[in-house]
Amino acid sequence: MSINFNELRELLGTISQTDITELILKSEEFELTVRKGTATMPIMPLSEKPISEVVSPPVPEPSVQPVMTQTEPVTSEPTPPIIDKNWIPITSPMVGTFYRAPSPDEAPFVEVNDRIRSGQTVCIIEAMKLMNEIEAESAGQIMDIVVGNGESVEYGQTLMWLKPE
């Protein structure tokens, strides 16, 4: 399914004149989320082919923004480890997008089984276009990384499990 910006502009105009507050359209190639009254998010293609330029259509009502997010390909992953009662969660202090590395072409901050020190950066949460480094509150060993790279996270959501030293 290709994106026709004229049809998208017409759809946004129609939605802005209704009581609809959120609309989600999904296909294998992209995901489009339209919400009224939220901050603008970047538009990202789901394919790995680079797009040299994205032209955004004019939006009839400034409170309606299209949001396209990249989803991770579905893979069969091993069963997550059983959580030990002595492990402590590393949780998200805010709502945002979880990133394991400082940039897409760099290595992740931590991997499962890595030993970390207190105050070490373990991930980034992007919120309102700001990159917030999340630091470990205690030393230990990373036992599980619960959230996938690029996934949305909620306040208080467990990101990783740490076996304290």
N, C-alpha and C. Protein backbone atom coordinates (compact mmCIF):
# COMPACT_ATOMS: atom_id res chain seq x y z
N MET A 1 0.85 -1.17 0.00
CA MET A 1 0.00 0.00 0.00
C MET A 1 0.89 1.22 0.00
N SER A 2 0.71 2.11 -0.97
CA SER A 2 1.52 3.33 -1.03
C SER A 2 0.73 4.48 -0.40
N ILE A 3 1.47 5.49 0.02
CA ILE A 3 0.85 6.64 0.66
C ILE A 3 0.56 7.69 -0.41
N ASN A 4 -0.69 8.04 -0.55
CA ASN A 4 -1.10 9.11 -1.45
C ASN A 4 -1.38 10.32 -0.57
N PHE A 5 -0.53 11.34 -0.68
CA PHE A 5 -0.64 12.49 0.21
C PHE A 5 -1.94 13.28 0.02
N ASN A 6 -2.49 13.26 -1.18
CA ASN A 6 -3.78 13.94 -1.38
C ASN A 6 -4.90 13.22 -0.62
N GLU A 7 -4.89 11.88 -0.68
CA GLU A 7 -5.88 11.12 0.08
C GLU A 7 -5.66 11.30 1.58
N LEU A 8 -4.39 11.35 2.00
CA LEU A 8 -4.07 11.56 3.41
C LEU A 8 -4.56 12.93 3.86
N ARG A 9 -4.34 13.95 3.06
CA ARG A 9 -4.81 15.30 3.38
C ARG A 9 -6.35 15.32 3.52
N GLU A 10 -7.03 14.63 2.60
CA GLU A 10 -8.49 14.57 2.65
C GLU A 10 -8.96 13.82 3.90
N LEU A 11 -8.29 12.71 4.24
CA LEU A 11 -8.61 11.94 5.44
C LEU A 11 -8.43 12.79 6.69
N LEU A 12 -7.32 13.52 6.78
CA LEU A 12 -7.06 14.37 7.94
C LEU A 12 -8.11 15.49 8.06
N GLY A 13 -8.50 16.05 6.93
CA GLY A 13 -9.54 17.08 6.95
C GLY A 13 -10.87 16.53 7.44
N THR A 14 -11.20 15.32 7.00
CA THR A 14 -12.45 14.68 7.43
C THR A 14 -12.41 14.36 8.92
N ILE A 15 -11.29 13.83 9.40
CA ILE A 15 -11.16 13.49 10.82
C ILE A 15 -11.24 14.74 11.69
N SER A 16 -10.66 15.85 11.22
CA SER A 16 -10.68 17.07 12.02
C SER A 16 -12.09 17.62 12.21
N GLN A 17 -13.02 17.22 11.37
CA GLN A 17 -14.39 17.70 11.48
C GLN A 17 -15.29 16.73 12.24
N THR A 18 -14.70 15.68 12.83
CA THR A 18 -15.48 14.68 13.57
C THR A 18 -15.05 14.67 15.03
N ASP A 19 -15.70 13.81 15.82
CA ASP A 19 -15.35 13.63 17.23
C ASP A 19 -14.28 12.56 17.42
N ILE A 20 -13.75 12.02 16.33
CA ILE A 20 -12.72 10.98 16.42
C ILE A 20 -11.47 11.61 17.02
N THR A 21 -10.90 10.97 18.06
CA THR A 21 -9.70 11.51 18.69
C THR A 21 -8.45 10.71 18.31
N GLU A 22 -8.63 9.48 17.83
CA GLU A 22 -7.48 8.67 17.44
C GLU A 22 -7.89 7.68 16.36
N LEU A 23 -7.01 7.52 15.35
CA LEU A 23 -7.24 6.57 14.26
C LEU A 23 -5.90 5.89 13.97
N ILE A 24 -5.91 4.56 13.87
CA ILE A 24 -4.69 3.81 13.58
C ILE A 24 -4.95 2.96 12.33
N LEU A 25 -4.08 3.12 11.33
CA LEU A 25 -4.11 2.31 10.11
C LEU A 25 -2.80 1.56 10.04
N LYS A 26 -2.86 0.24 9.80
CA LYS A 26 -1.65 -0.57 9.74
C LYS A 26 -1.63 -1.38 8.45
N SER A 27 -0.44 -1.53 7.88
CA SER A 27 -0.22 -2.45 6.78
C SER A 27 1.16 -3.04 6.98
N GLU A 28 1.59 -3.89 6.06
CA GLU A 28 2.93 -4.48 6.18
C GLU A 28 4.01 -3.42 5.97
N GLU A 29 3.71 -2.37 5.22
CA GLU A 29 4.70 -1.36 4.87
C GLU A 29 4.77 -0.19 5.84
N PHE A 30 3.67 0.13 6.50
CA PHE A 30 3.69 1.29 7.40
C PHE A 30 2.57 1.21 8.41
N GLU A 31 2.70 2.06 9.41
CA GLU A 31 1.66 2.22 10.43
C GLU A 31 1.41 3.72 10.54
N LEU A 32 0.16 4.12 10.45
CA LEU A 32 -0.21 5.53 10.55
C LEU A 32 -1.13 5.69 11.74
N THR A 33 -0.75 6.57 12.66
CA THR A 33 -1.57 6.88 13.82
C THR A 33 -1.88 8.37 13.78
N VAL A 34 -3.15 8.71 13.85
CA VAL A 34 -3.58 10.12 13.85
C VAL A 34 -4.26 10.37 15.18
N ARG A 35 -3.76 11.39 15.90
CA ARG A 35 -4.34 11.74 17.19
C ARG A 35 -4.60 13.24 17.22
N LYS A 36 -5.72 13.62 17.81
CA LYS A 36 -6.01 15.04 18.01
C LYS A 36 -5.43 15.48 19.34
N GLY A 37 -4.83 16.66 19.37
CA GLY A 37 -4.38 17.25 20.62
C GLY A 37 -3.12 16.66 21.21
N THR A 38 -2.20 16.08 20.38
CA THR A 38 -0.94 15.56 20.90
C THR A 38 0.21 16.23 20.17
N ALA A 39 1.41 16.07 20.71
CA ALA A 39 2.60 16.65 20.09
C ALA A 39 2.92 15.92 18.80
N THR A 40 3.54 16.62 17.85
CA THR A 40 3.92 16.04 16.58
C THR A 40 5.07 15.08 16.77
N MET A 41 4.98 13.93 16.13
CA MET A 41 6.04 12.93 16.19
C MET A 41 6.66 12.82 14.81
N PRO A 42 7.91 12.34 14.69
CA PRO A 42 8.55 12.20 13.39
C PRO A 42 7.88 11.10 12.56
N ILE A 43 7.98 11.26 11.24
CA ILE A 43 7.45 10.26 10.32
C ILE A 43 8.62 9.37 9.91
N MET A 44 8.50 8.04 10.13
CA MET A 44 9.57 7.11 9.81
C MET A 44 9.02 5.98 8.97
N PRO A 45 9.68 5.66 7.85
CA PRO A 45 9.22 4.54 7.04
C PRO A 45 9.51 3.22 7.74
N LEU A 46 8.72 2.20 7.41
CA LEU A 46 8.95 0.88 7.98
C LEU A 46 9.94 0.09 7.16
N SER A 47 10.13 0.46 5.90
CA SER A 47 11.10 -0.26 5.10
C SER A 47 12.49 0.23 5.45
N GLU A 48 13.49 -0.55 5.10
CA GLU A 48 14.85 -0.15 5.42
C GLU A 48 15.47 0.66 4.29
N LYS A 49 14.72 0.91 3.23
CA LYS A 49 15.22 1.72 2.13
C LYS A 49 15.18 3.18 2.57
N PRO A 50 16.29 3.91 2.40
CA PRO A 50 16.28 5.31 2.83
C PRO A 50 15.38 6.15 1.93
N ILE A 51 14.73 7.11 2.52
CA ILE A 51 13.90 8.05 1.79
C ILE A 51 14.64 9.37 1.81
N SER A 52 14.93 9.90 0.63
CA SER A 52 15.74 11.11 0.58
C SER A 52 14.98 12.33 1.07
N GLU A 53 13.66 12.37 0.85
CA GLU A 53 12.90 13.52 1.31
C GLU A 53 11.45 13.10 1.53
N VAL A 54 10.89 13.55 2.61
CA VAL A 54 9.49 13.30 2.89
C VAL A 54 8.80 14.65 2.87
N VAL A 55 7.77 14.78 2.03
CA VAL A 55 7.03 16.03 1.95
C VAL A 55 5.73 15.83 2.72
N SER A 56 5.55 16.61 3.76
CA SER A 56 4.34 16.50 4.57
C SER A 56 3.25 17.36 3.97
N PRO A 57 2.03 16.83 3.89
CA PRO A 57 0.93 17.63 3.36
C PRO A 57 0.51 18.67 4.40
N PRO A 58 -0.07 19.79 3.93
CA PRO A 58 -0.56 20.75 4.90
C PRO A 58 -1.72 20.13 5.68
N VAL A 59 -1.74 20.35 6.96
CA VAL A 59 -2.77 19.79 7.82
C VAL A 59 -3.81 20.87 8.06
N PRO A 60 -5.10 20.59 7.77
CA PRO A 60 -6.13 21.61 7.89
C PRO A 60 -6.29 22.15 9.31
N GLU A 61 -6.12 21.31 10.30
CA GLU A 61 -6.28 21.75 11.68
C GLU A 61 -4.98 21.42 12.41
N PRO A 62 -4.33 22.40 13.03
CA PRO A 62 -3.01 22.15 13.62
C PRO A 62 -3.01 21.12 14.73
N SER A 63 -4.15 20.77 15.30
CA SER A 63 -4.16 19.81 16.40
C SER A 63 -4.24 18.36 15.91
N VAL A 64 -4.21 18.12 14.60
CA VAL A 64 -4.26 16.76 14.06
C VAL A 64 -2.93 16.50 13.37
N GLN A 65 -2.17 15.49 13.87
CA GLN A 65 -0.87 15.19 13.30
C GLN A 65 -0.78 13.72 12.92
N PRO A 66 -0.24 13.42 11.71
CA PRO A 66 -0.02 12.02 11.37
C PRO A 66 1.23 11.53 12.08
N VAL A 67 1.21 10.27 12.53
CA VAL A 67 2.36 9.68 13.19
C VAL A 67 2.60 8.32 12.57
N MET A 68 3.79 8.11 12.04
CA MET A 68 4.15 6.80 11.49
C MET A 68 5.34 6.31 12.29
N THR A 69 5.26 5.11 12.82
CA THR A 69 6.36 4.58 13.62
C THR A 69 6.87 3.29 13.01
N GLN A 70 8.14 3.05 13.23
CA GLN A 70 8.75 1.84 12.73
C GLN A 70 8.50 0.70 13.71
N THR A 71 8.11 -0.44 13.16
CA THR A 71 7.90 -1.60 14.02
C THR A 71 9.01 -2.61 13.76
N GLU A 72 9.37 -3.35 14.76
CA GLU A 72 10.41 -4.37 14.65
C GLU A 72 9.86 -5.58 13.91
N PRO A 73 10.68 -6.21 13.06
CA PRO A 73 10.21 -7.43 12.40
C PRO A 73 9.94 -8.52 13.43
N VAL A 74 8.95 -9.34 13.14
CA VAL A 74 8.58 -10.41 14.07
C VAL A 74 9.61 -11.53 13.94
N THR A 75 10.21 -11.89 15.07
CA THR A 75 11.18 -12.97 15.09
C THR A 75 10.83 -13.90 16.24
N SER A 76 11.28 -15.15 16.10
CA SER A 76 11.03 -16.06 17.21
C SER A 76 12.17 -15.88 18.21
N GLU A 77 11.83 -15.44 19.40
CA GLU A 77 12.83 -15.19 20.43
C GLU A 77 12.74 -16.29 21.47
N PRO A 78 13.86 -16.53 22.16
CA PRO A 78 13.81 -17.53 23.21
C PRO A 78 12.89 -17.06 24.33
N THR A 79 12.41 -18.03 25.09
CA THR A 79 11.54 -17.73 26.22
C THR A 79 12.30 -16.87 27.22
N PRO A 80 11.69 -15.76 27.69
CA PRO A 80 12.40 -14.91 28.64
C PRO A 80 12.71 -15.67 29.92
N PRO A 81 13.79 -15.27 30.60
CA PRO A 81 14.14 -15.99 31.82
C PRO A 81 13.09 -15.79 32.90
N ILE A 82 13.04 -16.73 33.82
CA ILE A 82 12.14 -16.61 34.95
C ILE A 82 12.72 -15.55 35.87
N ILE A 83 11.89 -14.62 36.31
CA ILE A 83 12.34 -13.52 37.13
C ILE A 83 12.59 -14.00 38.56
N ASP A 84 13.81 -13.79 39.03
CA ASP A 84 14.19 -14.16 40.39
C ASP A 84 13.68 -13.09 41.35
N LYS A 85 13.24 -13.50 42.52
CA LYS A 85 12.69 -12.54 43.47
C LYS A 85 13.73 -11.55 43.99
N ASN A 86 15.03 -11.86 43.83
CA ASN A 86 16.09 -10.97 44.28
C ASN A 86 16.47 -9.92 43.23
N TRP A 87 16.03 -10.11 41.99
CA TRP A 87 16.35 -9.16 40.94
C TRP A 87 15.57 -7.88 41.17
N ILE A 88 16.14 -6.77 40.73
CA ILE A 88 15.43 -5.49 40.85
C ILE A 88 15.17 -4.94 39.45
N PRO A 89 14.03 -4.32 39.26
CA PRO A 89 13.72 -3.77 37.94
C PRO A 89 14.40 -2.42 37.73
N ILE A 90 14.82 -2.17 36.50
CA ILE A 90 15.20 -0.84 36.07
C ILE A 90 13.98 -0.34 35.31
N THR A 91 13.33 0.71 35.82
CA THR A 91 12.06 1.16 35.27
C THR A 91 12.19 2.50 34.56
N SER A 92 11.23 2.77 33.71
CA SER A 92 11.20 4.03 32.98
C SER A 92 10.67 5.14 33.88
N PRO A 93 11.39 6.25 33.99
CA PRO A 93 10.92 7.36 34.80
C PRO A 93 9.95 8.27 34.06
N MET A 94 9.63 7.92 32.81
CA MET A 94 8.77 8.78 31.99
C MET A 94 8.15 7.99 30.84
N VAL A 95 7.21 8.61 30.18
CA VAL A 95 6.62 8.06 28.96
C VAL A 95 7.52 8.48 27.80
N GLY A 96 7.80 7.56 26.90
CA GLY A 96 8.64 7.92 25.76
C GLY A 96 8.97 6.71 24.91
N THR A 97 10.06 6.82 24.15
CA THR A 97 10.51 5.75 23.27
C THR A 97 11.85 5.23 23.78
N PHE A 98 11.95 3.92 23.93
CA PHE A 98 13.13 3.24 24.48
C PHE A 98 14.16 3.00 23.38
N TYR A 99 15.40 3.39 23.64
CA TYR A 99 16.50 3.10 22.72
C TYR A 99 17.64 2.47 23.50
N ARG A 100 18.19 1.37 22.97
CA ARG A 100 19.27 0.65 23.64
C ARG A 100 20.64 1.26 23.39
N ALA A 101 20.78 2.06 22.32
CA ALA A 101 22.09 2.61 21.94
C ALA A 101 21.99 4.12 21.76
N PRO A 102 23.13 4.82 21.83
CA PRO A 102 23.12 6.27 21.66
C PRO A 102 22.72 6.70 20.25
N SER A 103 22.96 5.85 19.24
CA SER A 103 22.52 6.11 17.88
C SER A 103 22.38 4.77 17.16
N PRO A 104 21.66 4.74 16.04
CA PRO A 104 21.41 3.45 15.37
C PRO A 104 22.67 2.71 14.93
N ASP A 105 23.76 3.44 14.66
CA ASP A 105 24.98 2.79 14.17
C ASP A 105 25.99 2.48 15.28
N GLU A 106 25.60 2.67 16.54
CA GLU A 106 26.50 2.39 17.65
C GLU A 106 26.01 1.17 18.43
N ALA A 107 26.93 0.61 19.20
CA ALA A 107 26.62 -0.58 20.02
C ALA A 107 25.68 -0.20 21.15
N PRO A 108 24.84 -1.15 21.60
CA PRO A 108 23.95 -0.88 22.74
C PRO A 108 24.75 -0.54 24.00
N PHE A 109 24.10 0.22 24.90
CA PHE A 109 24.74 0.56 26.17
C PHE A 109 25.06 -0.70 26.97
N VAL A 110 24.09 -1.63 27.03
CA VAL A 110 24.28 -2.88 27.78
C VAL A 110 23.64 -4.04 27.02
N GLU A 111 24.13 -5.22 27.33
CA GLU A 111 23.56 -6.47 26.80
C GLU A 111 23.22 -7.36 28.00
N VAL A 112 22.43 -8.38 27.76
CA VAL A 112 22.12 -9.36 28.81
C VAL A 112 23.44 -9.99 29.27
N ASN A 113 23.59 -10.17 30.57
CA ASN A 113 24.76 -10.72 31.25
C ASN A 113 25.89 -9.71 31.46
N ASP A 114 25.76 -8.48 30.97
CA ASP A 114 26.77 -7.45 31.23
C ASP A 114 26.75 -7.08 32.71
N ARG A 115 27.93 -6.84 33.26
CA ARG A 115 28.03 -6.32 34.63
C ARG A 115 28.11 -4.80 34.52
N ILE A 116 27.31 -4.13 35.35
CA ILE A 116 27.27 -2.67 35.30
C ILE A 116 27.57 -2.10 36.68
N ARG A 117 27.94 -0.82 36.69
CA ARG A 117 28.20 -0.13 37.95
C ARG A 117 27.06 0.85 38.21
N SER A 118 26.92 1.28 39.43
CA SER A 118 25.91 2.26 39.80
C SER A 118 26.19 3.55 39.05
N GLY A 119 25.16 4.15 38.47
CA GLY A 119 25.31 5.40 37.72
C GLY A 119 25.64 5.20 36.25
N GLN A 120 25.83 3.97 35.81
CA GLN A 120 26.14 3.69 34.41
C GLN A 120 24.88 3.85 33.56
N THR A 121 25.00 4.48 32.39
CA THR A 121 23.88 4.62 31.47
C THR A 121 23.54 3.26 30.88
N VAL A 122 22.25 2.88 30.95
CA VAL A 122 21.83 1.58 30.43
C VAL A 122 20.94 1.70 29.19
N CYS A 123 20.35 2.89 28.96
CA CYS A 123 19.49 3.09 27.80
C CYS A 123 19.15 4.57 27.69
N ILE A 124 18.36 4.90 26.67
CA ILE A 124 17.87 6.27 26.47
C ILE A 124 16.35 6.19 26.32
N ILE A 125 15.67 7.14 26.93
CA ILE A 125 14.23 7.30 26.68
C ILE A 125 14.06 8.65 26.00
N GLU A 126 13.50 8.62 24.78
CA GLU A 126 13.22 9.86 24.07
C GLU A 126 11.82 10.32 24.45
N ALA A 127 11.73 11.55 24.91
CA ALA A 127 10.44 12.13 25.28
C ALA A 127 10.41 13.56 24.77
N MET A 128 9.44 13.87 23.96
CA MET A 128 9.26 15.21 23.41
C MET A 128 10.54 15.70 22.72
N LYS A 129 11.15 14.81 21.93
CA LYS A 129 12.35 15.09 21.15
C LYS A 129 13.60 15.34 22.00
N LEU A 130 13.53 15.00 23.28
CA LEU A 130 14.70 15.09 24.16
C LEU A 130 15.17 13.69 24.49
N MET A 131 16.48 13.47 24.43
CA MET A 131 17.06 12.17 24.74
C MET A 131 17.47 12.17 26.21
N ASN A 132 16.86 11.29 27.00
CA ASN A 132 17.11 11.22 28.44
C ASN A 132 17.86 9.92 28.75
N GLU A 133 19.10 10.05 29.22
CA GLU A 133 19.88 8.86 29.58
C GLU A 133 19.35 8.29 30.88
N ILE A 134 19.13 6.99 30.90
CA ILE A 134 18.66 6.30 32.10
C ILE A 134 19.85 5.57 32.71
N GLU A 135 20.12 5.86 33.98
CA GLU A 135 21.27 5.29 34.66
C GLU A 135 20.83 4.24 35.68
N ALA A 136 21.68 3.25 35.88
CA ALA A 136 21.42 2.21 36.88
C ALA A 136 21.58 2.82 38.27
N GLU A 137 20.68 2.47 39.18
CA GLU A 137 20.76 2.98 40.54
C GLU A 137 21.65 2.13 41.42
N SER A 138 21.99 0.92 40.95
CA SER A 138 22.90 0.07 41.72
C SER A 138 23.71 -0.79 40.76
N ALA A 139 24.81 -1.32 41.28
CA ALA A 139 25.67 -2.19 40.48
C ALA A 139 25.07 -3.58 40.41
N GLY A 140 25.42 -4.31 39.36
CA GLY A 140 24.93 -5.67 39.24
C GLY A 140 25.11 -6.22 37.85
N GLN A 141 24.32 -7.24 37.54
CA GLN A 141 24.39 -7.91 36.24
C GLN A 141 23.03 -7.80 35.56
N ILE A 142 23.01 -7.39 34.30
CA ILE A 142 21.77 -7.31 33.53
C ILE A 142 21.32 -8.73 33.23
N MET A 143 20.14 -9.09 33.70
CA MET A 143 19.64 -10.46 33.53
C MET A 143 18.64 -10.58 32.37
N ASP A 144 17.92 -9.48 32.08
CA ASP A 144 16.93 -9.51 31.00
C ASP A 144 16.66 -8.08 30.55
N ILE A 145 16.49 -7.90 29.25
CA ILE A 145 16.06 -6.63 28.68
C ILE A 145 14.66 -6.88 28.15
N VAL A 146 13.68 -6.26 28.81
CA VAL A 146 12.27 -6.57 28.58
C VAL A 146 11.70 -5.85 27.37
N VAL A 147 12.19 -4.65 27.08
CA VAL A 147 11.62 -3.80 26.03
C VAL A 147 12.49 -3.86 24.79
N GLY A 148 11.85 -3.87 23.63
CA GLY A 148 12.58 -3.87 22.36
C GLY A 148 12.98 -2.46 21.95
N ASN A 149 14.06 -2.37 21.20
CA ASN A 149 14.56 -1.08 20.74
C ASN A 149 13.50 -0.37 19.90
N GLY A 150 13.26 0.90 20.22
CA GLY A 150 12.29 1.69 19.47
C GLY A 150 10.85 1.55 19.96
N GLU A 151 10.62 0.76 21.00
CA GLU A 151 9.25 0.57 21.51
C GLU A 151 8.86 1.72 22.44
N SER A 152 7.59 2.02 22.47
CA SER A 152 7.06 3.01 23.40
C SER A 152 7.01 2.41 24.80
N VAL A 153 7.33 3.24 25.79
CA VAL A 153 7.28 2.80 27.18
C VAL A 153 6.46 3.77 28.01
N GLU A 154 5.92 3.27 29.09
CA GLU A 154 5.10 4.05 30.01
C GLU A 154 5.89 4.36 31.27
N TYR A 155 5.43 5.33 32.03
CA TYR A 155 6.02 5.66 33.32
C TYR A 155 5.96 4.43 34.23
N GLY A 156 7.07 4.07 34.84
CA GLY A 156 7.10 2.95 35.77
C GLY A 156 7.22 1.57 35.13
N GLN A 157 7.23 1.51 33.79
CA GLN A 157 7.32 0.22 33.10
C GLN A 157 8.73 -0.36 33.28
N THR A 158 8.82 -1.66 33.51
CA THR A 158 10.12 -2.32 33.65
C THR A 158 10.81 -2.38 32.29
N LEU A 159 12.05 -1.91 32.25
CA LEU A 159 12.86 -1.93 31.04
C LEU A 159 13.82 -3.12 31.04
N MET A 160 14.42 -3.36 32.21
CA MET A 160 15.43 -4.41 32.36
C MET A 160 15.34 -4.97 33.78
N TRP A 161 15.90 -6.16 33.94
CA TRP A 161 16.02 -6.77 35.27
C TRP A 161 17.49 -6.84 35.62
N LEU A 162 17.81 -6.43 36.84
CA LEU A 162 19.17 -6.36 37.33
C LEU A 162 19.35 -7.27 38.53
N LYS A 163 20.37 -8.12 38.49
CA LYS A 163 20.73 -8.94 39.65
C LYS A 163 21.77 -8.13 40.42
N PRO A 164 21.38 -7.58 41.58
CA PRO A 164 22.29 -6.70 42.31
C PRO A 164 23.49 -7.46 42.86
N GLU A 165 24.61 -6.72 43.01
CA GLU A 165 25.82 -7.32 43.57
C GLU A 165 25.93 -7.00 45.03
